Amino acid sequence: MTKKLHTSYKQVSPFITKDGSVIRELMHPKMHGNREQSLAEALLPAGSTTMLHRHIQSEEIYHITAGKGLMRLGDDEFAVTTGDTICIPPGTPHALVNHGQEELRLLCCSSPPYADDDTELLP
């Protein structure tokens, strides 16, 4: 089977990850022709938060495309808004809070590609 190197947004169904994010896998090796990384769009409704978690192997890069919130990254917390980019090293606890009045949207690149079993929920 030949995998696609192009994704139409309208053809990607969202799903909920372990941390509670609504995700659309825009490019992932399980569905496409790429190998070393994945790219997803995450949606976080107003007033909600992701669960504190970490990825043992994956490094993530978040790029905020709409909205604003509060990012917890290790022992640090800081405001994020449209246009901000955050690097999350492997093993770093992180969570995102949407304290705004609109949906928070971000692109999330993971390398190696996102895998549910690489996600560890934290207390």
N, C-alpha and C. Protein backbone atom coordinates (compact mmCIF):
# COMPACT_ATOMS: atom_id res chain seq x y z
N MET A 1 0.83 -1.18 0.00
CA MET A 1 0.00 0.00 0.00
C MET A 1 0.88 1.25 0.00
N THR A 2 0.63 2.15 -0.92
CA THR A 2 1.34 3.42 -0.98
C THR A 2 0.70 4.40 -0.01
N LYS A 3 1.54 5.03 0.79
CA LYS A 3 1.02 6.00 1.74
C LYS A 3 1.02 7.39 1.11
N LYS A 4 0.14 8.25 1.63
CA LYS A 4 -0.03 9.60 1.09
C LYS A 4 0.94 10.57 1.76
N LEU A 5 1.49 11.46 0.97
CA LEU A 5 2.34 12.52 1.50
C LEU A 5 1.57 13.84 1.58
N HIS A 6 0.26 13.77 1.43
CA HIS A 6 -0.61 14.94 1.49
C HIS A 6 -1.83 14.59 2.33
N THR A 7 -2.26 15.53 3.16
CA THR A 7 -3.44 15.33 3.98
C THR A 7 -4.42 16.48 3.76
N SER A 8 -5.69 16.15 3.54
CA SER A 8 -6.74 17.15 3.48
C SER A 8 -7.35 17.27 4.88
N TYR A 9 -7.34 18.47 5.43
CA TYR A 9 -7.83 18.70 6.80
C TYR A 9 -9.23 18.12 7.01
N LYS A 10 -10.09 18.30 6.03
CA LYS A 10 -11.48 17.84 6.15
C LYS A 10 -11.60 16.33 6.25
N GLN A 11 -10.58 15.60 5.84
CA GLN A 11 -10.63 14.14 5.87
C GLN A 11 -10.03 13.54 7.14
N VAL A 12 -9.52 14.38 8.04
CA VAL A 12 -8.89 13.91 9.27
C VAL A 12 -9.88 13.99 10.42
N SER A 13 -10.21 12.86 10.99
CA SER A 13 -11.15 12.82 12.12
C SER A 13 -10.41 13.07 13.43
N PRO A 14 -10.97 13.89 14.31
CA PRO A 14 -10.33 14.13 15.60
C PRO A 14 -10.51 12.96 16.55
N PHE A 15 -9.61 12.85 17.53
CA PHE A 15 -9.73 11.88 18.61
C PHE A 15 -9.21 12.50 19.89
N ILE A 16 -9.49 11.88 21.02
CA ILE A 16 -9.06 12.39 22.32
C ILE A 16 -7.87 11.58 22.81
N THR A 17 -6.78 12.26 23.18
CA THR A 17 -5.58 11.60 23.68
C THR A 17 -5.70 11.32 25.17
N LYS A 18 -4.70 10.63 25.72
CA LYS A 18 -4.69 10.30 27.14
C LYS A 18 -4.77 11.54 28.03
N ASP A 19 -4.17 12.67 27.59
CA ASP A 19 -4.14 13.87 28.42
C ASP A 19 -5.40 14.72 28.31
N GLY A 20 -6.34 14.29 27.44
CA GLY A 20 -7.61 15.00 27.31
C GLY A 20 -7.68 15.97 26.14
N SER A 21 -6.63 16.06 25.34
CA SER A 21 -6.63 16.95 24.17
C SER A 21 -7.46 16.35 23.04
N VAL A 22 -8.09 17.23 22.28
CA VAL A 22 -8.75 16.82 21.04
C VAL A 22 -7.73 17.02 19.92
N ILE A 23 -7.37 15.93 19.26
CA ILE A 23 -6.25 15.93 18.32
C ILE A 23 -6.70 15.52 16.92
N ARG A 24 -6.10 16.15 15.94
CA ARG A 24 -6.19 15.70 14.55
C ARG A 24 -4.77 15.40 14.10
N GLU A 25 -4.48 14.15 13.77
CA GLU A 25 -3.17 13.78 13.25
C GLU A 25 -3.09 14.21 11.79
N LEU A 26 -2.40 15.30 11.54
CA LEU A 26 -2.30 15.84 10.19
C LEU A 26 -1.28 15.07 9.34
N MET A 27 -0.25 14.53 10.01
CA MET A 27 0.76 13.73 9.32
C MET A 27 1.37 12.78 10.35
N HIS A 28 1.24 11.49 10.10
CA HIS A 28 1.76 10.48 11.03
C HIS A 28 2.19 9.26 10.22
N PRO A 29 3.31 8.64 10.60
CA PRO A 29 3.81 7.48 9.85
C PRO A 29 2.81 6.35 9.68
N LYS A 30 1.92 6.17 10.63
CA LYS A 30 0.93 5.08 10.51
C LYS A 30 -0.04 5.30 9.36
N MET A 31 -0.17 6.56 8.90
CA MET A 31 -1.14 6.87 7.85
C MET A 31 -0.53 7.50 6.61
N HIS A 32 0.68 8.01 6.72
CA HIS A 32 1.26 8.79 5.63
C HIS A 32 2.65 8.27 5.28
N GLY A 33 3.35 8.95 4.42
CA GLY A 33 4.65 8.49 3.95
C GLY A 33 5.84 9.00 4.75
N ASN A 34 5.61 9.78 5.77
CA ASN A 34 6.71 10.29 6.60
C ASN A 34 7.21 9.22 7.56
N ARG A 35 8.38 9.46 8.19
CA ARG A 35 8.95 8.43 9.07
C ARG A 35 9.37 8.91 10.45
N GLU A 36 9.95 10.10 10.56
CA GLU A 36 10.67 10.51 11.76
C GLU A 36 9.90 11.41 12.73
N GLN A 37 8.73 11.90 12.33
CA GLN A 37 8.00 12.85 13.17
C GLN A 37 6.51 12.77 12.86
N SER A 38 5.73 13.39 13.71
CA SER A 38 4.30 13.52 13.45
C SER A 38 3.91 14.97 13.67
N LEU A 39 2.83 15.37 13.01
CA LEU A 39 2.29 16.72 13.17
C LEU A 39 0.80 16.60 13.41
N ALA A 40 0.35 17.23 14.50
CA ALA A 40 -1.07 17.19 14.86
C ALA A 40 -1.54 18.59 15.19
N GLU A 41 -2.85 18.79 15.07
CA GLU A 41 -3.48 19.99 15.58
C GLU A 41 -4.21 19.60 16.85
N ALA A 42 -4.01 20.37 17.91
CA ALA A 42 -4.70 20.13 19.17
C ALA A 42 -5.67 21.28 19.42
N LEU A 43 -6.84 20.96 19.95
CA LEU A 43 -7.86 21.94 20.29
C LEU A 43 -8.17 21.81 21.78
N LEU A 44 -8.15 22.92 22.47
CA LEU A 44 -8.44 22.94 23.90
C LEU A 44 -9.55 23.96 24.14
N PRO A 45 -10.77 23.49 24.46
CA PRO A 45 -11.90 24.41 24.66
C PRO A 45 -11.63 25.43 25.77
N ALA A 46 -12.31 26.56 25.71
CA ALA A 46 -12.20 27.60 26.74
C ALA A 46 -12.48 27.00 28.10
N GLY A 47 -11.65 27.37 29.09
CA GLY A 47 -11.85 26.92 30.46
C GLY A 47 -11.39 25.51 30.76
N SER A 48 -10.71 24.86 29.83
CA SER A 48 -10.28 23.48 30.09
C SER A 48 -8.76 23.40 30.17
N THR A 49 -8.28 22.24 30.60
CA THR A 49 -6.85 22.01 30.76
C THR A 49 -6.51 20.58 30.36
N THR A 50 -5.27 20.39 29.92
CA THR A 50 -4.80 19.02 29.69
C THR A 50 -4.30 18.46 31.01
N MET A 51 -4.25 17.17 31.12
CA MET A 51 -3.71 16.54 32.32
C MET A 51 -2.19 16.66 32.29
N LEU A 52 -1.59 16.81 33.47
CA LEU A 52 -0.13 16.85 33.57
C LEU A 52 0.40 15.51 33.08
N HIS A 53 1.36 15.55 32.16
CA HIS A 53 1.89 14.32 31.57
C HIS A 53 3.29 14.57 31.03
N ARG A 54 3.94 13.49 30.61
CA ARG A 54 5.23 13.59 29.94
C ARG A 54 5.33 12.50 28.91
N HIS A 55 6.27 12.69 28.00
CA HIS A 55 6.57 11.69 26.98
C HIS A 55 8.00 11.22 27.23
N ILE A 56 8.17 9.94 27.38
CA ILE A 56 9.47 9.38 27.73
C ILE A 56 10.47 9.55 26.58
N GLN A 57 10.03 9.32 25.35
CA GLN A 57 10.93 9.36 24.20
C GLN A 57 10.77 10.60 23.34
N SER A 58 9.58 11.08 23.16
CA SER A 58 9.32 12.14 22.18
C SER A 58 9.66 13.53 22.69
N GLU A 59 10.32 14.30 21.80
CA GLU A 59 10.44 15.73 21.98
C GLU A 59 9.25 16.34 21.23
N GLU A 60 8.61 17.34 21.83
CA GLU A 60 7.48 17.99 21.18
C GLU A 60 7.79 19.47 20.97
N ILE A 61 7.22 20.01 19.91
CA ILE A 61 7.21 21.45 19.69
C ILE A 61 5.76 21.86 19.51
N TYR A 62 5.31 22.79 20.36
CA TYR A 62 3.97 23.36 20.26
C TYR A 62 4.09 24.72 19.57
N HIS A 63 3.17 24.99 18.66
CA HIS A 63 3.07 26.32 18.06
C HIS A 63 1.61 26.76 18.19
N ILE A 64 1.37 27.82 18.95
CA ILE A 64 0.01 28.30 19.22
C ILE A 64 -0.49 29.06 17.98
N THR A 65 -1.61 28.59 17.42
CA THR A 65 -2.16 29.23 16.22
C THR A 65 -3.37 30.10 16.52
N ALA A 66 -4.01 29.91 17.68
CA ALA A 66 -5.16 30.75 18.07
C ALA A 66 -5.40 30.61 19.57
N GLY A 67 -5.77 31.71 20.19
CA GLY A 67 -6.13 31.67 21.61
C GLY A 67 -4.96 32.03 22.51
N LYS A 68 -5.20 31.82 23.80
CA LYS A 68 -4.17 32.09 24.81
C LYS A 68 -4.38 31.16 25.98
N GLY A 69 -3.32 30.98 26.76
CA GLY A 69 -3.41 30.07 27.89
C GLY A 69 -2.20 30.17 28.78
N LEU A 70 -2.07 29.17 29.63
CA LEU A 70 -0.96 29.07 30.57
C LEU A 70 -0.28 27.73 30.35
N MET A 71 1.03 27.75 30.11
CA MET A 71 1.80 26.54 29.88
C MET A 71 2.56 26.18 31.13
N ARG A 72 2.45 24.93 31.55
CA ARG A 72 3.30 24.41 32.63
C ARG A 72 4.32 23.52 31.96
N LEU A 73 5.60 23.83 32.19
CA LEU A 73 6.71 23.11 31.58
C LEU A 73 7.74 22.85 32.66
N GLY A 74 7.78 21.61 33.17
CA GLY A 74 8.64 21.31 34.31
C GLY A 74 8.18 22.10 35.51
N ASP A 75 9.09 22.87 36.13
CA ASP A 75 8.75 23.70 37.29
C ASP A 75 8.31 25.11 36.90
N ASP A 76 8.31 25.42 35.61
CA ASP A 76 7.95 26.76 35.15
C ASP A 76 6.51 26.83 34.68
N GLU A 77 5.90 28.01 34.83
CA GLU A 77 4.59 28.32 34.25
C GLU A 77 4.70 29.68 33.58
N PHE A 78 4.12 29.80 32.39
CA PHE A 78 4.19 31.06 31.67
C PHE A 78 3.00 31.16 30.71
N ALA A 79 2.63 32.41 30.42
CA ALA A 79 1.53 32.68 29.51
C ALA A 79 1.96 32.37 28.08
N VAL A 80 1.01 31.84 27.29
CA VAL A 80 1.23 31.61 25.86
C VAL A 80 0.07 32.23 25.09
N THR A 81 0.38 32.67 23.88
CA THR A 81 -0.62 33.28 23.04
C THR A 81 -0.31 33.00 21.57
N THR A 82 -1.22 33.38 20.70
CA THR A 82 -1.06 33.15 19.26
C THR A 82 0.33 33.57 18.79
N GLY A 83 0.99 32.66 18.09
CA GLY A 83 2.32 32.92 17.55
C GLY A 83 3.46 32.38 18.38
N ASP A 84 3.20 32.00 19.64
CA ASP A 84 4.25 31.47 20.51
C ASP A 84 4.59 30.02 20.14
N THR A 85 5.86 29.66 20.35
CA THR A 85 6.35 28.31 20.09
C THR A 85 7.09 27.82 21.32
N ILE A 86 6.83 26.58 21.72
CA ILE A 86 7.39 26.00 22.94
C ILE A 86 8.03 24.66 22.60
N CYS A 87 9.26 24.43 23.08
CA CYS A 87 9.91 23.13 22.94
C CYS A 87 9.77 22.36 24.25
N ILE A 88 9.32 21.11 24.15
CA ILE A 88 9.12 20.26 25.33
C ILE A 88 10.07 19.07 25.20
N PRO A 89 11.19 19.09 25.96
CA PRO A 89 12.15 17.99 25.87
C PRO A 89 11.54 16.67 26.38
N PRO A 90 12.06 15.54 25.91
CA PRO A 90 11.58 14.24 26.40
C PRO A 90 11.67 14.18 27.93
N GLY A 91 10.66 13.58 28.55
CA GLY A 91 10.65 13.39 30.00
C GLY A 91 10.20 14.59 30.81
N THR A 92 9.89 15.72 30.17
CA THR A 92 9.52 16.94 30.88
C THR A 92 8.01 16.97 31.14
N PRO A 93 7.60 17.06 32.42
CA PRO A 93 6.17 17.19 32.71
C PRO A 93 5.62 18.48 32.10
N HIS A 94 4.41 18.38 31.53
CA HIS A 94 3.81 19.56 30.94
C HIS A 94 2.29 19.45 30.91
N ALA A 95 1.66 20.62 30.90
CA ALA A 95 0.21 20.73 30.81
C ALA A 95 -0.10 22.10 30.24
N LEU A 96 -1.28 22.23 29.67
CA LEU A 96 -1.70 23.48 29.06
C LEU A 96 -3.10 23.82 29.55
N VAL A 97 -3.28 25.06 29.99
CA VAL A 97 -4.57 25.55 30.49
C VAL A 97 -5.09 26.62 29.53
N ASN A 98 -6.34 26.50 29.14
CA ASN A 98 -6.97 27.54 28.34
C ASN A 98 -7.81 28.39 29.27
N HIS A 99 -7.30 29.55 29.64
CA HIS A 99 -8.04 30.46 30.53
C HIS A 99 -8.74 31.57 29.74
N GLY A 100 -8.69 31.46 28.42
CA GLY A 100 -9.32 32.46 27.57
C GLY A 100 -10.80 32.17 27.35
N GLN A 101 -11.41 33.00 26.53
CA GLN A 101 -12.84 32.87 26.21
C GLN A 101 -13.07 32.15 24.89
N GLU A 102 -11.99 31.81 24.20
CA GLU A 102 -12.10 31.13 22.92
C GLU A 102 -11.27 29.84 22.93
N GLU A 103 -11.51 29.02 21.97
CA GLU A 103 -10.77 27.77 21.82
C GLU A 103 -9.28 28.07 21.63
N LEU A 104 -8.43 27.28 22.28
CA LEU A 104 -6.98 27.36 22.10
C LEU A 104 -6.59 26.31 21.07
N ARG A 105 -5.91 26.73 20.02
CA ARG A 105 -5.49 25.82 18.95
C ARG A 105 -3.97 25.85 18.85
N LEU A 106 -3.39 24.69 18.62
CA LEU A 106 -1.95 24.63 18.45
C LEU A 106 -1.57 23.50 17.52
N LEU A 107 -0.43 23.66 16.88
CA LEU A 107 0.18 22.59 16.13
C LEU A 107 1.20 21.94 17.02
N CYS A 108 1.27 20.62 16.97
CA CYS A 108 2.18 19.86 17.82
C CYS A 108 2.99 18.91 16.94
N CYS A 109 4.29 19.13 16.91
CA CYS A 109 5.20 18.26 16.18
C CYS A 109 5.90 17.37 17.19
N SER A 110 5.92 16.06 16.94
CA SER A 110 6.56 15.10 17.84
C SER A 110 7.61 14.29 17.09
N SER A 111 8.76 14.13 17.72
CA SER A 111 9.81 13.29 17.16
C SER A 111 10.49 12.54 18.29
N PRO A 112 10.50 11.19 18.29
CA PRO A 112 9.81 10.35 17.32
C PRO A 112 8.31 10.62 17.32
N PRO A 113 7.60 10.09 16.32
CA PRO A 113 6.17 10.37 16.17
C PRO A 113 5.37 10.04 17.43
N TYR A 114 4.26 10.78 17.60
CA TYR A 114 3.37 10.57 18.75
C TYR A 114 2.95 9.11 18.85
N ALA A 115 2.99 8.60 20.09
CA ALA A 115 2.49 7.26 20.40
C ALA A 115 1.82 7.34 21.77
N ASP A 116 0.61 6.83 21.86
CA ASP A 116 -0.14 6.86 23.12
C ASP A 116 0.64 6.18 24.25
N ASP A 117 1.36 5.10 23.93
CA ASP A 117 2.08 4.37 24.99
C ASP A 117 3.35 5.09 25.43
N ASP A 118 3.72 6.21 24.78
CA ASP A 118 4.84 7.02 25.20
C ASP A 118 4.38 8.14 26.16
N THR A 119 3.08 8.23 26.40
CA THR A 119 2.50 9.25 27.26
C THR A 119 2.28 8.69 28.65
N GLU A 120 2.88 9.34 29.64
CA GLU A 120 2.72 8.94 31.04
C GLU A 120 1.97 10.05 31.77
N LEU A 121 0.78 9.74 32.30
CA LEU A 121 0.02 10.71 33.09
C LEU A 121 0.66 10.84 34.46
N LEU A 122 0.70 12.07 34.99
CA LEU A 122 1.35 12.35 36.26
C LEU A 122 0.33 12.89 37.27
N PRO A 123 0.62 12.69 38.57
CA PRO A 123 -0.32 13.20 39.59
C PRO A 123 -0.28 14.73 39.70
